[in-house]
Amino acid sequence: MKGKSFKIKISDLLNHLGTDHISFKGEKTSLLPTLTEEGIQGNIVLNAIDGENILVSLQDVNCSLLVTCDACGCEFLRSIDVDEYIATFSWNPKELEESCNEVMFLINQKNETIDLEDMLYQAVHIDDPFIMKCKNCSKKIIEENVEELR
């Protein structure tokens, strides 16, 4: 990866089937505008399945996002830890359309690269709650529910 981009050239990997490992730390992306100054860190494992598909695994990804509590309106830090998130990158757009059980993205055929930003965004937001609540509001709701049960 060069600079602040998550675009990776994969032509060598597809031509010489194998596995590649990349670590990143302190990276930023415009898709995560509320990312703290520390940025995002983690590991990427690229595994060429065949000459047309690459299995990508994001591992040990962590970051903090500044979010707003939907209950009280205060801002708080939400820590994100993703053990593993897997997707396949393919040359074939038809495979992407037919895929119903796995996460798939297209390989950029012009420059033989994959862009991991969308995948990273999905990994970070996969466990987002429907309603964001700070610790104080979450604690209040738990206390109210316990009181109702008594």
N, C-alpha and C. Protein backbone atom coordinates (compact mmCIF):
# COMPACT_ATOMS: atom_id res chain seq x y z
N MET A 1 0.85 -1.17 0.00
CA MET A 1 0.00 0.00 0.00
C MET A 1 0.90 1.23 0.00
N LYS A 2 0.55 2.17 -0.81
CA LYS A 2 1.31 3.40 -0.84
C LYS A 2 0.45 4.53 -0.31
N GLY A 3 1.04 5.40 0.48
CA GLY A 3 0.32 6.56 1.01
C GLY A 3 -0.85 6.17 1.87
N LYS A 4 -1.92 6.93 1.76
CA LYS A 4 -3.11 6.71 2.59
C LYS A 4 -4.16 5.89 1.85
N SER A 5 -3.76 5.16 0.86
CA SER A 5 -4.70 4.41 0.03
C SER A 5 -4.68 2.93 0.39
N PHE A 6 -5.81 2.29 0.20
CA PHE A 6 -5.89 0.85 0.42
C PHE A 6 -5.96 0.11 -0.90
N LYS A 7 -5.34 0.66 -1.95
CA LYS A 7 -5.28 0.00 -3.24
C LYS A 7 -4.02 -0.84 -3.30
N ILE A 8 -4.19 -2.09 -3.72
CA ILE A 8 -3.07 -3.03 -3.74
C ILE A 8 -2.95 -3.64 -5.13
N LYS A 9 -1.76 -3.60 -5.69
CA LYS A 9 -1.48 -4.22 -6.99
C LYS A 9 -1.38 -5.73 -6.77
N ILE A 10 -2.14 -6.50 -7.55
CA ILE A 10 -2.23 -7.94 -7.31
C ILE A 10 -1.80 -8.79 -8.52
N SER A 11 -1.29 -8.18 -9.58
CA SER A 11 -0.96 -8.94 -10.79
C SER A 11 0.07 -10.03 -10.50
N ASP A 12 1.12 -9.75 -9.74
CA ASP A 12 2.14 -10.76 -9.43
C ASP A 12 1.52 -11.92 -8.65
N LEU A 13 0.64 -11.61 -7.73
CA LEU A 13 0.01 -12.65 -6.91
C LEU A 13 -0.86 -13.57 -7.76
N LEU A 14 -1.58 -13.00 -8.72
CA LEU A 14 -2.43 -13.82 -9.59
C LEU A 14 -1.60 -14.67 -10.55
N ASN A 15 -0.47 -14.12 -11.00
CA ASN A 15 0.38 -14.85 -11.95
C ASN A 15 1.19 -15.96 -11.28
N HIS A 16 1.52 -15.79 -10.02
CA HIS A 16 2.31 -16.77 -9.27
C HIS A 16 1.54 -17.11 -8.01
N LEU A 17 0.51 -17.90 -8.15
CA LEU A 17 -0.40 -18.20 -7.06
C LEU A 17 0.33 -18.35 -5.74
N GLY A 18 -0.19 -17.68 -4.72
CA GLY A 18 0.43 -17.75 -3.41
C GLY A 18 -0.30 -16.88 -2.41
N THR A 19 0.40 -16.55 -1.35
CA THR A 19 -0.17 -15.76 -0.26
C THR A 19 0.75 -14.59 0.04
N ASP A 20 0.16 -13.46 0.39
CA ASP A 20 0.93 -12.28 0.76
C ASP A 20 0.32 -11.69 2.02
N HIS A 21 1.16 -11.14 2.88
CA HIS A 21 0.72 -10.54 4.14
C HIS A 21 1.15 -9.07 4.17
N ILE A 22 0.23 -8.22 4.60
CA ILE A 22 0.51 -6.79 4.72
C ILE A 22 -0.03 -6.32 6.07
N SER A 23 0.77 -5.56 6.80
CA SER A 23 0.32 -4.93 8.04
C SER A 23 0.18 -3.44 7.80
N PHE A 24 -0.78 -2.83 8.46
CA PHE A 24 -0.94 -1.38 8.34
C PHE A 24 -1.23 -0.81 9.72
N LYS A 25 -0.81 0.43 9.91
CA LYS A 25 -1.00 1.09 11.20
C LYS A 25 -1.12 2.59 10.97
N GLY A 26 -2.08 3.20 11.66
CA GLY A 26 -2.24 4.65 11.58
C GLY A 26 -2.78 5.15 10.26
N GLU A 27 -3.40 4.27 9.48
CA GLU A 27 -3.94 4.68 8.18
C GLU A 27 -5.28 5.40 8.35
N LYS A 28 -5.62 6.23 7.37
CA LYS A 28 -6.88 6.96 7.35
C LYS A 28 -7.61 6.65 6.05
N THR A 29 -8.91 6.81 6.06
CA THR A 29 -9.72 6.65 4.86
C THR A 29 -10.89 7.62 4.92
N SER A 30 -11.25 8.17 3.78
CA SER A 30 -12.37 9.11 3.72
C SER A 30 -13.70 8.42 4.01
N LEU A 31 -13.74 7.09 3.89
CA LEU A 31 -14.97 6.36 4.18
C LEU A 31 -15.25 6.26 5.68
N LEU A 32 -14.25 6.57 6.50
CA LEU A 32 -14.41 6.58 7.96
C LEU A 32 -14.02 7.97 8.47
N PRO A 33 -14.88 8.97 8.21
CA PRO A 33 -14.51 10.35 8.55
C PRO A 33 -14.42 10.62 10.05
N THR A 34 -15.02 9.79 10.90
CA THR A 34 -14.98 10.03 12.34
C THR A 34 -13.87 9.23 13.03
N LEU A 35 -12.97 8.69 12.24
CA LEU A 35 -11.83 7.96 12.76
C LEU A 35 -10.96 8.90 13.60
N THR A 36 -10.47 8.42 14.73
CA THR A 36 -9.62 9.25 15.59
C THR A 36 -8.24 9.43 14.95
N GLU A 37 -7.44 10.30 15.54
CA GLU A 37 -6.10 10.61 15.04
C GLU A 37 -5.21 9.37 14.94
N GLU A 38 -5.45 8.37 15.78
CA GLU A 38 -4.62 7.16 15.76
C GLU A 38 -4.81 6.36 14.48
N GLY A 39 -5.91 6.61 13.77
CA GLY A 39 -6.17 5.90 12.53
C GLY A 39 -6.62 4.47 12.77
N ILE A 40 -6.44 3.67 11.75
CA ILE A 40 -6.87 2.27 11.80
C ILE A 40 -5.66 1.38 11.56
N GLN A 41 -5.64 0.25 12.25
CA GLN A 41 -4.53 -0.67 12.07
C GLN A 41 -5.05 -2.10 11.97
N GLY A 42 -4.21 -2.96 11.40
CA GLY A 42 -4.59 -4.36 11.27
C GLY A 42 -3.68 -5.09 10.29
N ASN A 43 -4.13 -6.24 9.87
CA ASN A 43 -3.37 -7.08 8.95
C ASN A 43 -4.25 -7.51 7.79
N ILE A 44 -3.61 -7.67 6.64
CA ILE A 44 -4.29 -8.12 5.43
C ILE A 44 -3.59 -9.39 4.96
N VAL A 45 -4.37 -10.43 4.70
CA VAL A 45 -3.83 -11.65 4.11
C VAL A 45 -4.48 -11.82 2.75
N LEU A 46 -3.66 -11.85 1.71
CA LEU A 46 -4.12 -12.02 0.34
C LEU A 46 -3.76 -13.43 -0.11
N ASN A 47 -4.75 -14.19 -0.58
CA ASN A 47 -4.51 -15.56 -0.99
C ASN A 47 -5.09 -15.76 -2.39
N ALA A 48 -4.22 -15.96 -3.38
CA ALA A 48 -4.68 -16.19 -4.74
C ALA A 48 -5.28 -17.58 -4.83
N ILE A 49 -6.58 -17.64 -5.09
CA ILE A 49 -7.29 -18.92 -5.19
C ILE A 49 -6.97 -19.58 -6.52
N ASP A 50 -6.99 -18.77 -7.56
CA ASP A 50 -6.67 -19.21 -8.91
C ASP A 50 -6.22 -17.95 -9.66
N GLY A 51 -6.14 -18.00 -10.95
CA GLY A 51 -5.70 -16.84 -11.72
C GLY A 51 -6.73 -15.75 -11.86
N GLU A 52 -7.92 -15.95 -11.28
CA GLU A 52 -9.00 -14.97 -11.43
C GLU A 52 -9.59 -14.46 -10.12
N ASN A 53 -9.28 -15.10 -9.01
CA ASN A 53 -9.90 -14.74 -7.73
C ASN A 53 -8.86 -14.66 -6.61
N ILE A 54 -9.08 -13.70 -5.73
CA ILE A 54 -8.21 -13.55 -4.55
C ILE A 54 -9.10 -13.51 -3.32
N LEU A 55 -8.76 -14.34 -2.36
CA LEU A 55 -9.45 -14.34 -1.07
C LEU A 55 -8.68 -13.38 -0.16
N VAL A 56 -9.38 -12.38 0.36
CA VAL A 56 -8.75 -11.36 1.22
C VAL A 56 -9.32 -11.48 2.62
N SER A 57 -8.43 -11.53 3.58
CA SER A 57 -8.84 -11.60 4.99
C SER A 57 -8.27 -10.40 5.73
N LEU A 58 -9.16 -9.60 6.30
CA LEU A 58 -8.72 -8.53 7.21
C LEU A 58 -8.69 -9.14 8.60
N GLN A 59 -7.57 -9.01 9.29
CA GLN A 59 -7.42 -9.64 10.59
C GLN A 59 -6.94 -8.63 11.63
N ASP A 60 -7.44 -8.79 12.85
CA ASP A 60 -7.03 -7.96 13.99
C ASP A 60 -7.09 -6.46 13.66
N VAL A 61 -8.19 -6.06 13.04
CA VAL A 61 -8.40 -4.66 12.68
C VAL A 61 -8.98 -3.94 13.89
N ASN A 62 -8.39 -2.80 14.24
CA ASN A 62 -8.97 -2.03 15.34
C ASN A 62 -8.77 -0.54 15.11
N CYS A 63 -9.73 0.20 15.65
CA CYS A 63 -9.74 1.65 15.54
C CYS A 63 -10.75 2.19 16.54
N SER A 64 -10.81 3.51 16.63
CA SER A 64 -11.82 4.17 17.44
C SER A 64 -12.51 5.21 16.57
N LEU A 65 -13.83 5.30 16.72
CA LEU A 65 -14.62 6.28 15.99
C LEU A 65 -15.29 7.22 16.97
N LEU A 66 -15.35 8.48 16.62
CA LEU A 66 -16.08 9.46 17.42
C LEU A 66 -17.52 9.46 16.92
N VAL A 67 -18.45 9.01 17.78
CA VAL A 67 -19.86 8.89 17.38
C VAL A 67 -20.74 9.69 18.33
N THR A 68 -21.97 9.91 17.92
CA THR A 68 -22.93 10.66 18.72
C THR A 68 -23.97 9.71 19.30
N CYS A 69 -24.23 9.85 20.59
CA CYS A 69 -25.24 9.04 21.27
C CYS A 69 -26.62 9.45 20.75
N ASP A 70 -27.41 8.48 20.32
CA ASP A 70 -28.75 8.76 19.81
C ASP A 70 -29.73 9.12 20.93
N ALA A 71 -29.38 8.79 22.17
CA ALA A 71 -30.28 9.07 23.29
C ALA A 71 -30.05 10.46 23.88
N CYS A 72 -28.79 10.82 24.14
CA CYS A 72 -28.53 12.10 24.82
C CYS A 72 -27.82 13.14 23.96
N GLY A 73 -27.30 12.72 22.81
CA GLY A 73 -26.66 13.67 21.90
C GLY A 73 -25.18 13.95 22.19
N CYS A 74 -24.62 13.35 23.21
CA CYS A 74 -23.20 13.61 23.51
C CYS A 74 -22.32 12.75 22.60
N GLU A 75 -21.09 13.24 22.35
CA GLU A 75 -20.14 12.48 21.55
C GLU A 75 -19.34 11.56 22.45
N PHE A 76 -19.02 10.38 21.94
CA PHE A 76 -18.20 9.45 22.69
C PHE A 76 -17.36 8.61 21.73
N LEU A 77 -16.30 8.01 22.26
CA LEU A 77 -15.45 7.14 21.45
C LEU A 77 -15.99 5.72 21.46
N ARG A 78 -16.11 5.16 20.29
CA ARG A 78 -16.54 3.77 20.15
C ARG A 78 -15.36 2.97 19.62
N SER A 79 -14.89 2.03 20.43
CA SER A 79 -13.77 1.18 20.02
C SER A 79 -14.28 0.04 19.15
N ILE A 80 -13.56 -0.20 18.06
CA ILE A 80 -13.92 -1.25 17.12
C ILE A 80 -12.78 -2.26 17.08
N ASP A 81 -13.12 -3.53 17.25
CA ASP A 81 -12.16 -4.62 17.13
C ASP A 81 -12.77 -5.69 16.24
N VAL A 82 -12.13 -5.96 15.13
CA VAL A 82 -12.60 -6.97 14.19
C VAL A 82 -11.55 -8.08 14.14
N ASP A 83 -11.92 -9.26 14.61
CA ASP A 83 -10.97 -10.38 14.58
C ASP A 83 -10.66 -10.79 13.15
N GLU A 84 -11.71 -10.96 12.34
CA GLU A 84 -11.50 -11.37 10.96
C GLU A 84 -12.72 -11.01 10.11
N TYR A 85 -12.46 -10.55 8.90
CA TYR A 85 -13.51 -10.27 7.92
C TYR A 85 -12.98 -10.71 6.57
N ILE A 86 -13.72 -11.56 5.87
CA ILE A 86 -13.22 -12.19 4.65
C ILE A 86 -14.10 -11.80 3.45
N ALA A 87 -13.43 -11.55 2.33
CA ALA A 87 -14.14 -11.28 1.07
C ALA A 87 -13.32 -11.84 -0.08
N THR A 88 -14.00 -12.06 -1.20
CA THR A 88 -13.35 -12.52 -2.42
C THR A 88 -13.35 -11.38 -3.43
N PHE A 89 -12.22 -11.20 -4.10
CA PHE A 89 -12.11 -10.24 -5.19
C PHE A 89 -11.98 -11.06 -6.48
N SER A 90 -12.78 -10.71 -7.48
CA SER A 90 -12.86 -11.51 -8.70
C SER A 90 -12.73 -10.64 -9.95
N TRP A 91 -12.21 -11.24 -11.04
CA TRP A 91 -12.17 -10.58 -12.34
C TRP A 91 -13.56 -10.55 -12.96
N ASN A 92 -14.40 -11.50 -12.59
CA ASN A 92 -15.63 -11.78 -13.30
C ASN A 92 -16.84 -11.06 -12.67
N PRO A 93 -17.39 -10.04 -13.33
CA PRO A 93 -18.56 -9.34 -12.80
C PRO A 93 -19.78 -10.26 -12.64
N LYS A 94 -19.88 -11.29 -13.48
CA LYS A 94 -21.00 -12.22 -13.39
C LYS A 94 -20.99 -12.98 -12.07
N GLU A 95 -19.78 -13.35 -11.59
CA GLU A 95 -19.65 -14.02 -10.29
C GLU A 95 -20.18 -13.13 -9.18
N LEU A 96 -19.90 -11.83 -9.29
CA LEU A 96 -20.35 -10.87 -8.30
C LEU A 96 -21.87 -10.84 -8.24
N GLU A 97 -22.53 -10.85 -9.39
CA GLU A 97 -23.99 -10.85 -9.46
C GLU A 97 -24.59 -12.13 -8.90
N GLU A 98 -23.93 -13.26 -9.15
CA GLU A 98 -24.47 -14.56 -8.75
C GLU A 98 -24.16 -14.91 -7.30
N SER A 99 -23.22 -14.21 -6.70
CA SER A 99 -22.82 -14.52 -5.33
C SER A 99 -23.92 -14.09 -4.35
N CYS A 100 -24.39 -15.06 -3.56
CA CYS A 100 -25.42 -14.71 -2.59
C CYS A 100 -24.97 -15.06 -1.17
N ASN A 101 -23.94 -15.86 -1.01
CA ASN A 101 -23.53 -16.28 0.32
C ASN A 101 -22.21 -15.69 0.79
N GLU A 102 -21.53 -14.96 -0.06
CA GLU A 102 -20.25 -14.41 0.35
C GLU A 102 -20.11 -12.96 -0.10
N VAL A 103 -19.19 -12.27 0.54
CA VAL A 103 -18.91 -10.89 0.20
C VAL A 103 -17.93 -10.90 -0.96
N MET A 104 -18.28 -10.20 -2.05
CA MET A 104 -17.41 -10.16 -3.23
C MET A 104 -17.24 -8.75 -3.74
N PHE A 105 -16.06 -8.49 -4.28
CA PHE A 105 -15.74 -7.22 -4.91
C PHE A 105 -15.03 -7.52 -6.23
N LEU A 106 -14.97 -6.53 -7.09
CA LEU A 106 -14.31 -6.70 -8.39
C LEU A 106 -12.85 -6.25 -8.35
N ILE A 107 -12.03 -6.96 -9.11
CA ILE A 107 -10.65 -6.55 -9.34
C ILE A 107 -10.67 -5.50 -10.45
N ASN A 108 -9.94 -4.42 -10.27
CA ASN A 108 -9.83 -3.40 -11.31
C ASN A 108 -8.96 -3.97 -12.42
N GLN A 109 -9.57 -4.26 -13.57
CA GLN A 109 -8.85 -4.93 -14.65
C GLN A 109 -7.86 -4.02 -15.36
N LYS A 110 -8.12 -2.72 -15.36
CA LYS A 110 -7.22 -1.78 -16.04
C LYS A 110 -5.83 -1.79 -15.42
N ASN A 111 -5.79 -1.64 -14.11
CA ASN A 111 -4.48 -1.53 -13.45
C ASN A 111 -4.16 -2.71 -12.53
N GLU A 112 -4.98 -3.76 -12.60
CA GLU A 112 -4.76 -5.00 -11.84
C GLU A 112 -4.55 -4.72 -10.35
N THR A 113 -5.51 -3.98 -9.79
CA THR A 113 -5.47 -3.66 -8.36
C THR A 113 -6.80 -4.03 -7.71
N ILE A 114 -6.73 -4.13 -6.40
CA ILE A 114 -7.96 -4.24 -5.61
C ILE A 114 -7.96 -3.06 -4.65
N ASP A 115 -9.14 -2.56 -4.35
CA ASP A 115 -9.29 -1.45 -3.42
C ASP A 115 -10.02 -1.98 -2.19
N LEU A 116 -9.33 -1.96 -1.06
CA LEU A 116 -9.86 -2.55 0.17
C LEU A 116 -10.69 -1.57 1.00
N GLU A 117 -10.86 -0.33 0.57
CA GLU A 117 -11.58 0.65 1.39
C GLU A 117 -13.02 0.24 1.68
N ASP A 118 -13.76 -0.20 0.68
CA ASP A 118 -15.15 -0.62 0.91
C ASP A 118 -15.21 -1.83 1.84
N MET A 119 -14.30 -2.76 1.64
CA MET A 119 -14.25 -3.94 2.50
C MET A 119 -13.94 -3.54 3.94
N LEU A 120 -13.01 -2.63 4.11
CA LEU A 120 -12.64 -2.14 5.44
C LEU A 120 -13.82 -1.44 6.10
N TYR A 121 -14.53 -0.62 5.34
CA TYR A 121 -15.72 0.06 5.86
C TYR A 121 -16.74 -0.96 6.35
N GLN A 122 -17.00 -2.00 5.54
CA GLN A 122 -17.97 -3.02 5.92
C GLN A 122 -17.52 -3.76 7.18
N ALA A 123 -16.24 -4.07 7.26
CA ALA A 123 -15.72 -4.78 8.44
C ALA A 123 -15.90 -3.96 9.71
N VAL A 124 -15.64 -2.67 9.63
CA VAL A 124 -15.74 -1.78 10.79
C VAL A 124 -17.19 -1.61 11.22
N HIS A 125 -18.12 -1.55 10.27
CA HIS A 125 -19.51 -1.25 10.59
C HIS A 125 -20.43 -2.47 10.65
N ILE A 126 -19.89 -3.67 10.52
CA ILE A 126 -20.74 -4.87 10.47
C ILE A 126 -21.53 -5.09 11.75
N ASP A 127 -20.99 -4.71 12.88
CA ASP A 127 -21.68 -4.94 14.15
C ASP A 127 -22.27 -3.65 14.74
N ASP A 128 -22.49 -2.65 13.91
CA ASP A 128 -23.08 -1.40 14.40
C ASP A 128 -24.46 -1.66 14.99
N PRO A 129 -24.73 -1.10 16.15
CA PRO A 129 -26.08 -1.21 16.69
C PRO A 129 -27.03 -0.30 15.91
N PHE A 130 -28.32 -0.60 15.96
CA PHE A 130 -29.29 0.26 15.28
C PHE A 130 -29.34 1.63 15.94
N ILE A 131 -29.18 1.65 17.26
CA ILE A 131 -29.19 2.89 18.01
C ILE A 131 -27.88 2.98 18.79
N MET A 132 -27.11 4.06 18.52
CA MET A 132 -25.84 4.27 19.22
C MET A 132 -26.14 4.87 20.59
N LYS A 133 -25.58 4.26 21.62
CA LYS A 133 -25.76 4.79 22.97
C LYS A 133 -24.43 4.83 23.69
N CYS A 134 -24.21 5.94 24.40
CA CYS A 134 -23.01 6.06 25.22
C CYS A 134 -23.14 5.14 26.43
N LYS A 135 -22.08 5.00 27.18
CA LYS A 135 -22.11 4.10 28.36
C LYS A 135 -23.15 4.56 29.38
N ASN A 136 -23.26 5.87 29.60
CA ASN A 136 -24.23 6.37 30.58
C ASN A 136 -25.67 6.03 30.20
N CYS A 137 -26.01 6.23 28.93
CA CYS A 137 -27.38 5.94 28.48
C CYS A 137 -27.64 4.43 28.48
N SER A 138 -26.65 3.64 28.09
CA SER A 138 -26.81 2.18 28.11
C SER A 138 -27.00 1.70 29.54
N LYS A 139 -26.23 2.28 30.45
CA LYS A 139 -26.33 1.90 31.87
C LYS A 139 -27.71 2.27 32.41
N LYS A 140 -28.21 3.45 32.05
CA LYS A 140 -29.53 3.89 32.50
C LYS A 140 -30.63 2.94 32.04
N ILE A 141 -30.56 2.53 30.80
CA ILE A 141 -31.57 1.63 30.24
C ILE A 141 -31.53 0.28 30.96
N ILE A 142 -30.35 -0.21 31.22
CA ILE A 142 -30.21 -1.49 31.94
C ILE A 142 -30.81 -1.35 33.34
N GLU A 143 -30.49 -0.25 34.02
CA GLU A 143 -31.01 -0.04 35.37
C GLU A 143 -32.54 0.06 35.36
N GLU A 144 -33.10 0.75 34.35
CA GLU A 144 -34.57 0.86 34.24
C GLU A 144 -35.21 -0.49 34.00
N ASN A 145 -34.60 -1.30 33.16
CA ASN A 145 -35.13 -2.63 32.89
C ASN A 145 -35.06 -3.54 34.10
N VAL A 146 -33.98 -3.44 34.86
CA VAL A 146 -33.84 -4.23 36.09
C VAL A 146 -34.91 -3.80 37.09
N GLU A 147 -35.14 -2.50 37.19
CA GLU A 147 -36.13 -1.97 38.13
C GLU A 147 -37.53 -2.46 37.74
N GLU A 148 -37.83 -2.51 36.44
CA GLU A 148 -39.14 -2.99 35.99
C GLU A 148 -39.34 -4.47 36.33
N LEU A 149 -38.28 -5.24 36.32
CA LEU A 149 -38.37 -6.67 36.60
C LEU A 149 -38.61 -6.94 38.09
N ARG A 150 -38.31 -6.00 38.94
CA ARG A 150 -38.46 -6.21 40.39
C ARG A 150 -39.86 -6.07 40.82
